[in-house]
Amino acid sequence: MINTKHIILILSILSLLPLGAGAITKATTSEPFDWSSVMDAIILVESEGNSKAVAGKSVGPMQITPIAVRECNNILEKRGSKKRYTLDDRFDKTKSKEMFLLIQSKYNPTNDIEKAIRLWNGGPKYSLRATERYYKMVLRRMK
């Protein structure tokens, strides 16, 4: 059964599709991009929403690695911010989402949804082949 939330999500996703295109690409508005549906889908794929999830060095709702925390802190330092993330911040859903947004702001300034998902899974030098399964899983969770 489709409820109002599902309809809004579907319309949001469809509004991101360029006319005549078959794949989700990027936002084309000048307003701040809303990553919530992407982040929520990633959280479902990565941890089923469990903030205490641990899989090797990846932890928290978005399964963030120590390398990703270090990269976020490097980005913040280069931008002149005094803010820094700790390894424990990976267990906090809000801070995990902040780290996701920070990574996207550096490596995906055009807000390309496909790139965002693949980047989150495979890092800045991701391969299409290696991230294909993950990309499809996240898309399914978005619908």
Protein backbone atom coordinates (compact mmCIF):
# COMPACT_ATOMS: atom_id res chain seq x y z
CA MET A 1 0.00 0.00 0.00
CA ILE A 2 1.40 3.38 -0.99
CA ASN A 3 1.03 6.11 1.62
CA THR A 4 1.66 9.86 1.38
CA LYS A 5 5.31 9.49 2.43
CA HIS A 6 5.95 7.03 -0.44
CA ILE A 7 4.27 9.34 -2.95
CA ILE A 8 6.37 12.32 -1.80
CA LEU A 9 9.54 10.22 -2.01
CA ILE A 10 8.68 8.96 -5.50
CA LEU A 11 7.87 12.49 -6.71
CA SER A 12 11.11 13.78 -5.18
CA ILE A 13 13.11 11.12 -6.99
CA LEU A 14 11.28 11.69 -10.27
CA SER A 15 11.87 15.43 -10.04
CA LEU A 16 15.61 14.74 -10.09
CA LEU A 17 15.44 12.91 -13.42
CA PRO A 18 16.46 14.93 -16.45
CA LEU A 19 13.80 14.88 -19.16
CA GLY A 20 14.17 11.79 -21.31
CA ALA A 21 16.87 10.24 -19.14
CA GLY A 22 16.64 6.79 -17.65
CA ALA A 23 19.08 7.22 -14.77
CA ILE A 24 19.14 9.37 -11.69
CA THR A 25 21.84 11.99 -12.08
CA LYS A 26 21.91 15.36 -10.36
CA ALA A 27 19.91 18.23 -9.01
CA THR A 28 19.63 21.26 -11.21
CA THR A 29 18.15 23.82 -8.83
CA SER A 30 20.02 26.61 -7.11
CA GLU A 31 18.52 25.72 -3.72
CA PRO A 32 20.46 23.57 -1.23
CA PHE A 33 20.27 19.94 -2.21
CA ASP A 34 18.28 17.61 0.06
CA TRP A 35 20.30 14.43 0.54
CA SER A 36 17.92 12.92 3.12
CA SER A 37 16.42 10.21 0.89
CA VAL A 38 19.90 9.13 -0.25
CA MET A 39 21.31 9.14 3.29
CA ASP A 40 18.30 7.27 4.67
CA ALA A 41 18.64 4.61 1.96
CA ILE A 42 22.38 4.26 2.63
CA ILE A 43 21.67 3.84 6.34
CA LEU A 44 19.20 1.05 5.56
CA VAL A 45 21.69 -0.71 3.27
CA GLU A 46 24.66 -0.25 5.56
CA SER A 47 23.20 -1.00 8.99
CA GLU A 48 19.41 -1.40 8.75
CA GLY A 49 19.36 1.74 10.89
CA ASN A 50 21.41 0.28 13.73
CA SER A 51 23.59 3.07 15.16
CA LYS A 52 25.67 0.48 17.03
CA ALA A 53 26.44 -1.62 13.94
CA VAL A 54 30.06 -2.78 13.57
CA ALA A 55 31.61 -4.53 10.57
CA GLY A 56 35.37 -4.57 10.91
CA LYS A 57 36.64 -0.99 10.90
CA SER A 58 33.31 0.34 9.56
CA VAL A 59 30.88 1.34 12.28
CA GLY A 60 27.66 3.19 12.96
CA PRO A 61 24.52 3.72 10.91
CA MET A 62 26.46 4.69 7.77
CA GLN A 63 29.37 2.28 8.37
CA ILE A 64 32.06 4.95 8.43
CA THR A 65 35.74 3.98 8.44
CA PRO A 66 38.56 5.72 10.32
CA ILE A 67 39.94 6.83 6.93
CA ALA A 68 36.67 8.66 6.17
CA VAL A 69 36.80 10.42 9.56
CA ARG A 70 40.38 11.48 8.86
CA GLU A 71 39.35 12.77 5.41
CA CYS A 72 36.50 14.78 6.94
CA ASN A 73 38.91 16.33 9.41
CA ASN A 74 41.34 17.16 6.58
CA ILE A 75 38.53 18.86 4.64
CA LEU A 76 37.53 20.85 7.73
CA GLU A 77 41.13 21.88 8.38
CA LYS A 78 41.63 23.04 4.78
CA ARG A 79 38.44 25.09 5.05
CA GLY A 80 39.72 26.79 8.17
CA SER A 81 37.21 25.17 10.52
CA LYS A 82 38.14 24.26 14.06
CA LYS A 83 35.52 21.51 14.13
CA ARG A 84 36.82 17.92 14.14
CA TYR A 85 35.16 14.51 14.20
CA THR A 86 36.17 11.65 16.46
CA LEU A 87 35.94 7.93 15.79
CA ASP A 88 33.07 7.77 18.29
CA ASP A 89 31.11 10.28 16.19
CA ARG A 90 30.56 7.48 13.65
CA PHE A 91 27.95 5.97 15.99
CA ASP A 92 25.91 9.19 16.03
CA LYS A 93 23.41 9.33 13.16
CA THR A 94 23.43 13.13 12.96
CA LYS A 95 27.23 13.37 12.91
CA SER A 96 27.43 10.50 10.41
CA LYS A 97 25.13 12.41 8.09
CA GLU A 98 27.26 15.54 8.57
CA MET A 99 30.33 13.54 7.50
CA PHE A 100 28.47 12.24 4.44
CA LEU A 101 27.55 15.81 3.46
CA LEU A 102 31.10 17.01 4.00
CA ILE A 103 32.50 14.25 1.74
CA GLN A 104 29.89 15.08 -0.91
CA SER A 105 30.67 18.80 -0.76
CA LYS A 106 34.30 18.09 -1.65
CA TYR A 107 34.08 15.18 -4.08
CA ASN A 108 30.60 15.69 -5.53
CA PRO A 109 29.91 19.44 -5.77
CA THR A 110 27.37 18.91 -8.58
CA ASN A 111 25.17 16.80 -6.25
CA ASP A 112 25.11 13.84 -8.62
CA ILE A 113 23.10 11.12 -6.84
CA GLU A 114 24.73 8.21 -8.64
CA LYS A 115 28.19 9.59 -7.91
CA ALA A 116 27.23 10.17 -4.27
CA ILE A 117 26.19 6.55 -3.77
CA ARG A 118 29.18 5.09 -5.58
CA LEU A 119 31.57 7.50 -3.83
CA TRP A 120 30.22 6.47 -0.45
CA ASN A 121 30.82 2.82 -1.25
CA GLY A 122 34.05 2.95 -3.24
CA GLY A 123 35.77 6.18 -2.22
CA PRO A 124 36.82 9.07 -4.46
CA LYS A 125 38.40 6.76 -7.06
CA TYR A 126 35.51 4.26 -7.15
CA SER A 127 35.02 1.90 -10.06
CA LEU A 128 31.63 1.55 -11.73
CA ARG A 129 31.92 -2.22 -11.80
CA ALA A 130 32.91 -2.58 -8.15
CA THR A 131 30.13 -0.27 -6.91
CA GLU A 132 27.31 -1.44 -9.21
CA ARG A 133 25.68 -3.88 -6.76
CA TYR A 134 25.80 -1.34 -3.92
CA TYR A 135 24.40 1.40 -6.17
CA LYS A 136 21.42 -0.79 -7.12
CA MET A 137 20.78 -1.76 -3.50
CA VAL A 138 20.66 1.88 -2.41
CA LEU A 139 18.38 2.82 -5.31
CA ARG A 140 15.97 0.03 -4.32
CA ARG A 141 15.87 1.40 -0.76
CA MET A 142 15.10 4.87 -2.10
CA LYS A 143 12.00 3.68 -3.97
